[in-house]
């Protein structure tokens, strides 16, 4: 099995519920992959698309907060914003965590 390379810098942000402003809380390195399907939808008479990426990062204890509150977090990557739609700590082994990001 090939060793994963975590070489793409990402920033995880959390919304401050009092001020409603986003605050950068973690700067991480991730293995980033496109998911199999993007999303297309009709908006204002034009087809828009949403990019879906999987951000795999090494596990650390505080990242568990994202699992139950994905709507409070987002990822900045390559100048784009990705809402976190899923958190996956495979079999709760606490080795790697996959975050599904959907572009805004």
PDB file of N, CA and C in Angstrom:
ATOM      1  N   UNK A   1       0.838  -1.176   0.000  1.00  0.00           N
ATOM      2  CA  UNK A   1       0.000   0.000   0.000  1.00  0.00           C
ATOM      3  C   UNK A   1       0.888   1.246   0.000  1.00  0.00           C
ATOM      4  N   UNK A   2       0.580   2.175  -0.879  1.00  0.00           N
ATOM      5  CA  UNK A   2       1.372   3.395  -0.986  1.00  0.00           C
ATOM      6  C   UNK A   2       1.135   4.285   0.230  1.00  0.00           C
ATOM      7  N   UNK A   3       2.214   4.906   0.671  1.00  0.00           N
ATOM      8  CA  UNK A   3       2.112   5.820   1.803  1.00  0.00           C
ATOM      9  C   UNK A   3       1.465   7.119   1.348  1.00  0.00           C
ATOM     10  N   UNK A   4       0.547   7.633   2.141  1.00  0.00           N
ATOM     11  CA  UNK A   4      -0.138   8.884   1.798  1.00  0.00           C
ATOM     12  C   UNK A   4       0.790  10.058   2.041  1.00  0.00           C
ATOM     13  N   UNK A   5       0.672  11.032   1.166  1.00  0.00           N
ATOM     14  CA  UNK A   5       1.468  12.247   1.292  1.00  0.00           C
ATOM     15  C   UNK A   5       0.531  13.393   1.642  1.00  0.00           C
ATOM     16  N   UNK A   6       0.807  14.030   2.744  1.00  0.00           N
ATOM     17  CA  UNK A   6       0.002  15.156   3.217  1.00  0.00           C
ATOM     18  C   UNK A   6       0.766  16.439   2.886  1.00  0.00           C
ATOM     19  N   UNK A   7       0.605  16.901   1.647  1.00  0.00           N
ATOM     20  CA  UNK A   7       1.440  18.004   1.174  1.00  0.00           C
ATOM     21  C   UNK A   7       0.679  19.252   0.747  1.00  0.00           C
ATOM     22  N   UNK A   8      -0.634  19.252   0.897  1.00  0.00           N
ATOM     23  CA  UNK A   8      -1.437  20.405   0.479  1.00  0.00           C
ATOM     24  C   UNK A   8      -1.858  21.198   1.715  1.00  0.00           C
ATOM     25  N   UNK A   9      -1.436  22.462   1.819  1.00  0.00           N
ATOM     26  CA  UNK A   9      -1.827  23.260   2.986  1.00  0.00           C
ATOM     27  C   UNK A   9      -3.297  23.660   2.930  1.00  0.00           C
ATOM     28  N   UNK A  10      -3.978  23.483   4.048  1.00  0.00           N
ATOM     29  CA  UNK A  10      -5.381  23.901   4.177  1.00  0.00           C
ATOM     30  C   UNK A  10      -5.538  24.670   5.485  1.00  0.00           C
ATOM     31  N   UNK A  11      -6.578  25.468   5.550  1.00  0.00           N
ATOM     32  CA  UNK A  11      -6.923  26.179   6.780  1.00  0.00           C
ATOM     33  C   UNK A  11      -8.343  25.779   7.155  1.00  0.00           C
ATOM     34  N   UNK A  12      -8.516  25.352   8.400  1.00  0.00           N
ATOM     35  CA  UNK A  12      -9.847  25.046   8.912  1.00  0.00           C
ATOM     36  C   UNK A  12     -10.311  26.265   9.700  1.00  0.00           C
ATOM     37  N   UNK A  13     -11.514  26.723   9.381  1.00  0.00           N
ATOM     38  CA  UNK A  13     -12.089  27.867  10.075  1.00  0.00           C
ATOM     39  C   UNK A  13     -13.353  27.442  10.809  1.00  0.00           C
ATOM     40  N   UNK A  14     -13.638  28.160  11.892  1.00  0.00           N
ATOM     41  CA  UNK A  14     -14.862  27.941  12.667  1.00  0.00           C
ATOM     42  C   UNK A  14     -15.579  29.276  12.790  1.00  0.00           C
ATOM     43  N   UNK A  15     -16.892  29.227  12.686  1.00  0.00           N
ATOM     44  CA  UNK A  15     -17.657  30.465  12.822  1.00  0.00           C
ATOM     45  C   UNK A  15     -17.834  30.791  14.305  1.00  0.00           C
ATOM     46  N   UNK A  16     -17.622  32.040  14.643  1.00  0.00           N
ATOM     47  CA  UNK A  16     -17.879  32.518  15.995  1.00  0.00           C
ATOM     48  C   UNK A  16     -19.375  32.807  16.069  1.00  0.00           C
ATOM     49  N   UNK A  17     -20.080  32.047  16.862  1.00  0.00           N
ATOM     50  CA  UNK A  17     -21.543  32.167  16.897  1.00  0.00           C
ATOM     51  C   UNK A  17     -22.021  33.503  17.462  1.00  0.00           C
ATOM     52  N   UNK A  18     -21.178  34.195  18.219  1.00  0.00           N
ATOM     53  CA  UNK A  18     -21.558  35.506  18.759  1.00  0.00           C
ATOM     54  C   UNK A  18     -21.396  36.613  17.721  1.00  0.00           C
ATOM     55  N   UNK A  19     -20.257  36.604  17.018  1.00  0.00           N
ATOM     56  CA  UNK A  19     -19.987  37.676  16.049  1.00  0.00           C
ATOM     57  C   UNK A  19     -20.373  37.295  14.628  1.00  0.00           C
ATOM     58  N   UNK A  20     -20.620  35.991  14.391  1.00  0.00           N
ATOM     59  CA  UNK A  20     -20.922  35.458  13.062  1.00  0.00           C
ATOM     60  C   UNK A  20     -19.789  35.710  12.070  1.00  0.00           C
ATOM     61  N   UNK A  21     -18.555  35.741  12.572  1.00  0.00           N
ATOM     62  CA  UNK A  21     -17.374  35.887  11.715  1.00  0.00           C
ATOM     63  C   UNK A  21     -16.566  34.599  11.778  1.00  0.00           C
ATOM     64  N   UNK A  22     -15.921  34.285  10.649  1.00  0.00           N
ATOM     65  CA  UNK A  22     -15.103  33.086  10.567  1.00  0.00           C
ATOM     66  C   UNK A  22     -13.726  33.365  11.157  1.00  0.00           C
ATOM     67  N   UNK A  23     -13.208  32.379  11.912  1.00  0.00           N
ATOM     68  CA  UNK A  23     -11.896  32.498  12.540  1.00  0.00           C
ATOM     69  C   UNK A  23     -11.065  31.275  12.160  1.00  0.00           C
ATOM     70  N   UNK A  24      -9.841  31.507  11.696  1.00  0.00           N
ATOM     71  CA  UNK A  24      -8.941  30.398  11.367  1.00  0.00           C
ATOM     72  C   UNK A  24      -8.473  29.754  12.667  1.00  0.00           C
ATOM     73  N   UNK A  25      -8.661  28.432  12.764  1.00  0.00           N
ATOM     74  CA  UNK A  25      -8.280  27.749  14.002  1.00  0.00           C
ATOM     75  C   UNK A  25      -7.192  26.694  13.810  1.00  0.00           C
ATOM     76  N   UNK A  26      -7.094  26.107  12.619  1.00  0.00           N
ATOM     77  CA  UNK A  26      -6.052  25.109  12.358  1.00  0.00           C
ATOM     78  C   UNK A  26      -5.463  25.342  10.976  1.00  0.00           C
ATOM     79  N   UNK A  27      -4.146  25.272  10.888  1.00  0.00           N
ATOM     80  CA  UNK A  27      -3.460  25.212   9.603  1.00  0.00           C
ATOM     81  C   UNK A  27      -2.868  23.812   9.530  1.00  0.00           C
ATOM     82  N   UNK A  28      -3.302  23.040   8.533  1.00  0.00           N
ATOM     83  CA  UNK A  28      -2.935  21.628   8.432  1.00  0.00           C
ATOM     84  C   UNK A  28      -2.395  21.321   7.048  1.00  0.00           C
ATOM     85  N   UNK A  29      -1.791  20.150   6.919  1.00  0.00           N
ATOM     86  CA  UNK A  29      -1.417  19.630   5.609  1.00  0.00           C
ATOM     87  C   UNK A  29      -2.295  18.414   5.340  1.00  0.00           C
ATOM     88  N   UNK A  30      -2.821  18.352   4.123  1.00  0.00           N
ATOM     89  CA  UNK A  30      -3.790  17.314   3.782  1.00  0.00           C
ATOM     90  C   UNK A  30      -3.416  16.605   2.492  1.00  0.00           C
ATOM     91  N   UNK A  31      -3.959  15.418   2.346  1.00  0.00           N
ATOM     92  CA  UNK A  31      -3.969  14.709   1.078  1.00  0.00           C
ATOM     93  C   UNK A  31      -5.323  15.065   0.477  1.00  0.00           C
ATOM     94  N   UNK A  32      -5.316  15.716  -0.681  1.00  0.00           N
ATOM     95  CA  UNK A  32      -6.556  16.232  -1.263  1.00  0.00           C
ATOM     96  C   UNK A  32      -6.889  15.461  -2.535  1.00  0.00           C
ATOM     97  N   UNK A  33      -8.126  14.991  -2.624  1.00  0.00           N
ATOM     98  CA  UNK A  33      -8.592  14.265  -3.804  1.00  0.00           C
ATOM     99  C   UNK A  33      -9.978  14.742  -4.196  1.00  0.00           C
ATOM    100  N   UNK A  34     -10.217  14.729  -5.501  1.00  0.00           N
ATOM    101  CA  UNK A  34     -11.548  15.040  -6.010  1.00  0.00           C
ATOM    102  C   UNK A  34     -12.440  13.825  -5.767  1.00  0.00           C
ATOM    103  N   UNK A  35     -13.679  14.059  -5.378  1.00  0.00           N
ATOM    104  CA  UNK A  35     -14.608  12.942  -5.239  1.00  0.00           C
ATOM    105  C   UNK A  35     -15.117  12.573  -6.623  1.00  0.00           C
ATOM    106  N   UNK A  36     -15.794  11.478  -6.725  1.00  0.00           N
ATOM    107  CA  UNK A  36     -16.224  10.978  -8.034  1.00  0.00           C
ATOM    108  C   UNK A  36     -17.216  11.877  -8.735  1.00  0.00           C
ATOM    109  N   UNK A  37     -18.066  12.538  -7.991  1.00  0.00           N
ATOM    110  CA  UNK A  37     -19.102  13.348  -8.632  1.00  0.00           C
ATOM    111  C   UNK A  37     -19.117  14.746  -8.058  1.00  0.00           C
ATOM    112  N   UNK A  38     -19.275  15.700  -8.945  1.00  0.00           N
ATOM    113  CA  UNK A  38     -19.557  17.062  -8.514  1.00  0.00           C
ATOM    114  C   UNK A  38     -21.059  17.227  -8.545  1.00  0.00           C
ATOM    115  N   UNK A  39     -21.525  18.411  -8.305  1.00  0.00           N
ATOM    116  CA  UNK A  39     -22.959  18.693  -8.317  1.00  0.00           C
ATOM    117  C   UNK A  39     -23.229  19.804  -9.302  1.00  0.00           C
ATOM    118  N   UNK A  40     -24.263  19.647 -10.078  1.00  0.00           N
ATOM    119  CA  UNK A  40     -24.697  20.729 -10.952  1.00  0.00           C
ATOM    120  C   UNK A  40     -26.113  21.106 -10.567  1.00  0.00           C
ATOM    121  N   UNK A  41     -26.399  22.388 -10.632  1.00  0.00           N
ATOM    122  CA  UNK A  41     -27.739  22.854 -10.313  1.00  0.00           C
ATOM    123  C   UNK A  41     -28.021  24.100 -11.135  1.00  0.00           C
ATOM    124  N   UNK A  42     -29.291  24.430 -11.254  1.00  0.00           N
ATOM    125  CA  UNK A  42     -29.707  25.586 -12.040  1.00  0.00           C
ATOM    126  C   UNK A  42     -29.907  26.772 -11.110  1.00  0.00           C
ATOM    127  N   UNK A  43     -29.246  27.881 -11.420  1.00  0.00           N
ATOM    128  CA  UNK A  43     -29.384  29.091 -10.619  1.00  0.00           C
ATOM    129  C   UNK A  43     -29.394  30.287 -11.548  1.00  0.00           C
ATOM    130  N   UNK A  44     -30.425  31.093 -11.453  1.00  0.00           N
ATOM    131  CA  UNK A  44     -30.571  32.304 -12.278  1.00  0.00           C
ATOM    132  C   UNK A  44     -30.430  31.971 -13.760  1.00  0.00           C
ATOM    133  N   UNK A  45     -30.982  30.835 -14.159  1.00  0.00           N
ATOM    134  CA  UNK A  45     -30.994  30.466 -15.568  1.00  0.00           C
ATOM    135  C   UNK A  45     -29.682  29.923 -16.097  1.00  0.00           C
ATOM    136  N   UNK A  46     -28.681  29.755 -15.240  1.00  0.00           N
ATOM    137  CA  UNK A  46     -27.389  29.229 -15.686  1.00  0.00           C
ATOM    138  C   UNK A  46     -27.038  28.000 -14.856  1.00  0.00           C
ATOM    139  N   UNK A  47     -26.365  27.065 -15.487  1.00  0.00           N
ATOM    140  CA  UNK A  47     -25.936  25.871 -14.766  1.00  0.00           C
ATOM    141  C   UNK A  47     -24.706  26.221 -13.936  1.00  0.00           C
ATOM    142  N   UNK A  48     -24.783  25.941 -12.662  1.00  0.00           N
ATOM    143  CA  UNK A  48     -23.682  26.167 -11.732  1.00  0.00           C
ATOM    144  C   UNK A  48     -23.169  24.793 -11.300  1.00  0.00           C
ATOM    145  N   UNK A  49     -21.929  24.725 -10.919  1.00  0.00           N
ATOM    146  CA  UNK A  49     -21.419  23.445 -10.430  1.00  0.00           C
ATOM    147  C   UNK A  49     -20.720  23.644  -9.095  1.00  0.00           C
ATOM    148  N   UNK A  50     -20.761  22.591  -8.304  1.00  0.00           N
ATOM    149  CA  UNK A  50     -20.078  22.593  -7.017  1.00  0.00           C
ATOM    150  C   UNK A  50     -19.017  21.513  -7.066  1.00  0.00           C
ATOM    151  N   UNK A  51     -17.837  21.872  -6.644  1.00  0.00           N
ATOM    152  CA  UNK A  51     -16.720  20.961  -6.617  1.00  0.00           C
ATOM    153  C   UNK A  51     -16.696  20.256  -5.265  1.00  0.00           C
ATOM    154  N   UNK A  52     -16.513  18.945  -5.267  1.00  0.00           N
ATOM    155  CA  UNK A  52     -16.419  18.176  -4.029  1.00  0.00           C
ATOM    156  C   UNK A  52     -15.009  17.617  -3.911  1.00  0.00           C
ATOM    157  N   UNK A  53     -14.376  17.894  -2.787  1.00  0.00           N
ATOM    158  CA  UNK A  53     -13.036  17.393  -2.524  1.00  0.00           C
ATOM    159  C   UNK A  53     -13.014  16.667  -1.186  1.00  0.00           C
ATOM    160  N   UNK A  54     -12.167  15.647  -1.106  1.00  0.00           N
ATOM    161  CA  UNK A  54     -11.924  14.966   0.153  1.00  0.00           C
ATOM    162  C   UNK A  54     -10.573  15.430   0.679  1.00  0.00           C
ATOM    163  N   UNK A  55     -10.591  15.947   1.898  1.00  0.00           N
ATOM    164  CA  UNK A  55      -9.378  16.410   2.563  1.00  0.00           C
ATOM    165  C   UNK A  55      -9.042  15.398   3.649  1.00  0.00           C
ATOM    166  N   UNK A  56      -7.969  14.645   3.456  1.00  0.00           N
ATOM    167  CA  UNK A  56      -7.568  13.665   4.466  1.00  0.00           C
ATOM    168  C   UNK A  56      -6.415  14.248   5.269  1.00  0.00           C
ATOM    169  N   UNK A  57      -6.602  14.300   6.587  1.00  0.00           N
ATOM    170  CA  UNK A  57      -5.597  14.859   7.488  1.00  0.00           C
ATOM    171  C   UNK A  57      -5.273  13.840   8.565  1.00  0.00           C
ATOM    172  N   UNK A  58      -4.138  14.032   9.201  1.00  0.00           N
ATOM    173  CA  UNK A  58      -3.797  13.172  10.323  1.00  0.00           C
ATOM    174  C   UNK A  58      -4.698  13.525  11.509  1.00  0.00           C
ATOM    175  N   UNK A  59      -5.082  12.507  12.236  1.00  0.00           N
ATOM    176  CA  UNK A  59      -5.954  12.685  13.399  1.00  0.00           C
ATOM    177  C   UNK A  59      -5.228  13.452  14.506  1.00  0.00           C
ATOM    178  N   UNK A  60      -5.963  14.321  15.172  1.00  0.00           N
ATOM    179  CA  UNK A  60      -5.541  14.896  16.451  1.00  0.00           C
ATOM    180  C   UNK A  60      -6.812  15.120  17.267  1.00  0.00           C
ATOM    181  N   UNK A  61      -6.710  15.079  18.562  1.00  0.00           N
ATOM    182  CA  UNK A  61      -7.875  15.049  19.457  1.00  0.00           C
ATOM    183  C   UNK A  61      -8.894  16.152  19.175  1.00  0.00           C
ATOM    184  N   UNK A  62      -8.448  17.386  18.992  1.00  0.00           N
ATOM    185  CA  UNK A  62      -9.385  18.505  18.846  1.00  0.00           C
ATOM    186  C   UNK A  62     -10.181  18.467  17.543  1.00  0.00           C
ATOM    187  N   UNK A  63      -9.718  17.696  16.554  1.00  0.00           N
ATOM    188  CA  UNK A  63     -10.462  17.648  15.289  1.00  0.00           C
ATOM    189  C   UNK A  63     -11.799  16.922  15.467  1.00  0.00           C
ATOM    190  N   UNK A  64     -11.934  16.156  16.540  1.00  0.00           N
ATOM    191  CA  UNK A  64     -13.194  15.455  16.812  1.00  0.00           C
ATOM    192  C   UNK A  64     -14.373  16.413  16.940  1.00  0.00           C
ATOM    193  N   UNK A  65     -14.124  17.658  17.336  1.00  0.00           N
ATOM    194  CA  UNK A  65     -15.208  18.640  17.487  1.00  0.00           C
ATOM    195  C   UNK A  65     -15.981  18.841  16.188  1.00  0.00           C
ATOM    196  N   UNK A  66     -15.310  18.636  15.064  1.00  0.00           N
ATOM    197  CA  UNK A  66     -15.959  18.837  13.769  1.00  0.00           C
ATOM    198  C   UNK A  66     -17.046  17.795  13.523  1.00  0.00           C
ATOM    199  N   UNK A  67     -16.865  16.582  14.045  1.00  0.00           N
ATOM    200  CA  UNK A  67     -17.775  15.480  13.733  1.00  0.00           C
ATOM    201  C   UNK A  67     -19.241  15.808  14.023  1.00  0.00           C
ATOM    202  N   UNK A  68     -19.525  16.400  15.153  1.00  0.00           N
ATOM    203  CA  UNK A  68     -20.916  16.663  15.530  1.00  0.00           C
ATOM    204  C   UNK A  68     -21.389  18.063  15.158  1.00  0.00           C
ATOM    205  N   UNK A  69     -20.495  18.877  14.627  1.00  0.00           N
ATOM    206  CA  UNK A  69     -20.835  20.267  14.322  1.00  0.00           C
ATOM    207  C   UNK A  69     -20.284  20.694  12.969  1.00  0.00           C
ATOM    208  N   UNK A  70     -20.436  19.883  11.947  1.00  0.00           N
ATOM    209  CA  UNK A  70     -19.815  20.207  10.656  1.00  0.00           C
ATOM    210  C   UNK A  70     -20.248  21.559  10.112  1.00  0.00           C
ATOM    211  N   UNK A  71     -21.460  21.987  10.414  1.00  0.00           N
ATOM    212  CA  UNK A  71     -21.966  23.252   9.874  1.00  0.00           C
ATOM    213  C   UNK A  71     -21.240  24.467  10.456  1.00  0.00           C
ATOM    214  N   UNK A  72     -20.501  24.283  11.548  1.00  0.00           N
ATOM    215  CA  UNK A  72     -19.767  25.395  12.156  1.00  0.00           C
ATOM    216  C   UNK A  72     -18.365  25.568  11.577  1.00  0.00           C
ATOM    217  N   UNK A  73     -17.967  24.669  10.674  1.00  0.00           N
ATOM    218  CA  UNK A  73     -16.603  24.660  10.158  1.00  0.00           C
ATOM    219  C   UNK A  73     -16.580  24.743   8.636  1.00  0.00           C
ATOM    220  N   UNK A  74     -15.451  25.220   8.120  1.00  0.00           N
ATOM    221  CA  UNK A  74     -15.221  25.217   6.678  1.00  0.00           C
ATOM    222  C   UNK A  74     -13.719  25.131   6.440  1.00  0.00           C
ATOM    223  N   UNK A  75     -13.364  24.857   5.182  1.00  0.00           N
ATOM    224  CA  UNK A  75     -11.960  24.712   4.797  1.00  0.00           C
ATOM    225  C   UNK A  75     -11.632  25.735   3.722  1.00  0.00           C
ATOM    226  N   UNK A  76     -10.469  26.367   3.859  1.00  0.00           N
ATOM    227  CA  UNK A  76      -9.933  27.227   2.810  1.00  0.00           C
ATOM    228  C   UNK A  76      -8.820  26.451   2.121  1.00  0.00           C
ATOM    229  N   UNK A  77      -8.913  26.348   0.796  1.00  0.00           N
ATOM    230  CA  UNK A  77      -7.910  25.613   0.022  1.00  0.00           C
ATOM    231  C   UNK A  77      -7.779  26.249  -1.352  1.00  0.00           C
ATOM    232  N   UNK A  78      -6.583  26.596  -1.730  1.00  0.00           N
ATOM    233  CA  UNK A  78      -6.301  27.193  -3.044  1.00  0.00           C
ATOM    234  C   UNK A  78      -7.201  28.383  -3.355  1.00  0.00           C
ATOM    235  N   UNK A  79      -7.470  29.204  -2.359  1.00  0.00           N
ATOM    236  CA  UNK A  79      -8.277  30.399  -2.577  1.00  0.00           C
ATOM    237  C   UNK A  79      -9.769  30.151  -2.647  1.00  0.00           C
ATOM    238  N   UNK A  80     -10.199  28.918  -2.393  1.00  0.00           N
ATOM    239  CA  UNK A  80     -11.624  28.576  -2.432  1.00  0.00           C
ATOM    240  C   UNK A  80     -12.111  28.173  -1.044  1.00  0.00           C
ATOM    241  N   UNK A  81     -13.411  28.330  -0.840  1.00  0.00           N
ATOM    242  CA  UNK A  81     -14.045  27.968   0.427  1.00  0.00           C
ATOM    243  C   UNK A  81     -14.849  26.689   0.221  1.00  0.00           C
ATOM    244  N   UNK A  82     -14.661  25.730   1.130  1.00  0.00           N
ATOM    245  CA  UNK A  82     -15.378  24.454   1.080  1.00  0.00           C
ATOM    246  C   UNK A  82     -16.118  24.242   2.398  1.00  0.00           C
ATOM    247  N   UNK A  83     -17.441  24.096   2.305  1.00  0.00           N
ATOM    248  CA  UNK A  83     -18.235  23.743   3.480  1.00  0.00           C
ATOM    249  C   UNK A  83     -17.980  22.278   3.791  1.00  0.00           C
ATOM    250  N   UNK A  84     -17.859  21.952   5.063  1.00  0.00           N
ATOM    251  CA  UNK A  84     -17.627  20.561   5.454  1.00  0.00           C
ATOM    252  C   UNK A  84     -18.975  19.858   5.563  1.00  0.00           C
ATOM    253  N   UNK A  85     -19.149  18.816   4.746  1.00  0.00           N
ATOM    254  CA  UNK A  85     -20.406  18.070   4.730  1.00  0.00           C
ATOM    255  C   UNK A  85     -20.302  16.710   5.408  1.00  0.00           C
ATOM    256  N   UNK A  86     -19.075  16.222   5.633  1.00  0.00           N
ATOM    257  CA  UNK A  86     -18.942  14.914   6.269  1.00  0.00           C
ATOM    258  C   UNK A  86     -17.595  14.817   6.969  1.00  0.00           C
ATOM    259  N   UNK A  87     -17.574  14.042   8.036  1.00  0.00           N
ATOM    260  CA  UNK A  87     -16.385  13.767   8.848  1.00  0.00           C
ATOM    261  C   UNK A  87     -16.285  12.253   8.955  1.00  0.00           C
ATOM    262  N   UNK A  88     -15.129  11.682   8.615  1.00  0.00           N
ATOM    263  CA  UNK A  88     -14.984  10.228   8.656  1.00  0.00           C
ATOM    264  C   UNK A  88     -13.663   9.850   9.312  1.00  0.00           C
ATOM    265  N   UNK A  89     -13.750   9.342  10.541  1.00  0.00           N
ATOM    266  CA  UNK A  89     -12.601   8.779  11.248  1.00  0.00           C
ATOM    267  C   UNK A  89     -12.771   7.267  11.110  1.00  0.00           C
ATOM    268  N   UNK A  90     -12.178   6.701  10.077  1.00  0.00           N
ATOM    269  CA  UNK A  90     -12.397   5.307   9.703  1.00  0.00           C
ATOM    270  C   UNK A  90     -12.281   4.379  10.912  1.00  0.00           C
ATOM    271  N   UNK A  91     -13.381   3.691  11.192  1.00  0.00           N
ATOM    272  CA  UNK A  91     -13.479   2.718  12.288  1.00  0.00           C
ATOM    273  C   UNK A  91     -13.038   3.305  13.632  1.00  0.00           C
ATOM    274  N   UNK A  92     -13.049   4.614  13.731  1.00  0.00           N
ATOM    275  CA  UNK A  92     -12.618   5.322  14.949  1.00  0.00           C
ATOM    276  C   UNK A  92     -11.241   4.849  15.412  1.00  0.00           C
ATOM    277  N   UNK A  93     -10.359   4.641  14.426  1.00  0.00           N
ATOM    278  CA  UNK A  93      -8.990   4.222  14.732  1.00  0.00           C
ATOM    279  C   UNK A  93      -8.101   5.398  15.122  1.00  0.00           C
ATOM    280  N   UNK A  94      -8.567   6.624  14.884  1.00  0.00           N
ATOM    281  CA  UNK A  94      -7.824   7.838  15.237  1.00  0.00           C
ATOM    282  C   UNK A  94      -6.442   7.892  14.583  1.00  0.00           C
ATOM    283  N   UNK A  95      -6.412   7.557  13.291  1.00  0.00           N
ATOM    284  CA  UNK A  95      -5.169   7.670  12.519  1.00  0.00           C
ATOM    285  C   UNK A  95      -5.287   8.798  11.507  1.00  0.00           C
ATOM    286  N   UNK A  96      -6.326   8.729  10.700  1.00  0.00           N
ATOM    287  CA  UNK A  96      -6.582   9.740   9.674  1.00  0.00           C
ATOM    288  C   UNK A  96      -8.055  10.118   9.722  1.00  0.00           C
ATOM    289  N   UNK A  97      -8.347  11.346   9.317  1.00  0.00           N
ATOM    290  CA  UNK A  97      -9.728  11.817   9.253  1.00  0.00           C
ATOM    291  C   UNK A  97      -9.962  12.357   7.853  1.00  0.00           C
ATOM    292  N   UNK A  98     -11.071  11.950   7.254  1.00  0.00           N
ATOM    293  CA  UNK A  98     -11.464  12.480   5.948  1.00  0.00           C
ATOM    294  C   UNK A  98     -12.592  13.479   6.140  1.00  0.00           C
ATOM    295  N   UNK A  99     -12.392  14.646   5.557  1.00  0.00           N
ATOM    296  CA  UNK A  99     -13.407  15.694   5.590  1.00  0.00           C
ATOM    297  C   UNK A  99     -13.884  15.911   4.168  1.00  0.00           C
ATOM    298  N   UNK A 100     -15.185  15.788   3.946  1.00  0.00           N
ATOM    299  CA  UNK A 100     -15.747  16.039   2.623  1.00  0.00           C
ATOM    300  C   UNK A 100     -16.070  17.517   2.529  1.00  0.00           C
ATOM    301  N   UNK A 101     -15.428  18.193   1.589  1.00  0.00           N
ATOM    302  CA  UNK A 101     -15.665  19.615   1.387  1.00  0.00           C
ATOM    303  C   UNK A 101     -16.414  19.861   0.095  1.00  0.00           C
ATOM    304  N   UNK A 102     -17.415  20.738   0.151  1.00  0.00           N
ATOM    305  CA  UNK A 102     -18.200  21.105  -1.025  1.00  0.00           C
ATOM    306  C   UNK A 102     -18.033  22.602  -1.229  1.00  0.00           C
ATOM    307  N   UNK A 103     -17.612  22.978  -2.443  1.00  0.00           N
ATOM    308  CA  UNK A 103     -17.363  24.393  -2.719  1.00  0.00           C
ATOM    309  C   UNK A 103     -18.640  25.203  -2.594  1.00  0.00           C
ATOM    310  N   UNK A 104     -18.482  26.469  -2.235  1.00  0.00           N
ATOM    311  CA  UNK A 104     -19.643  27.354  -2.089  1.00  0.00           C
ATOM    312  C   UNK A 104     -20.050  27.917  -3.420  1.00  0.00           C
TER     313      UNK A 104
END
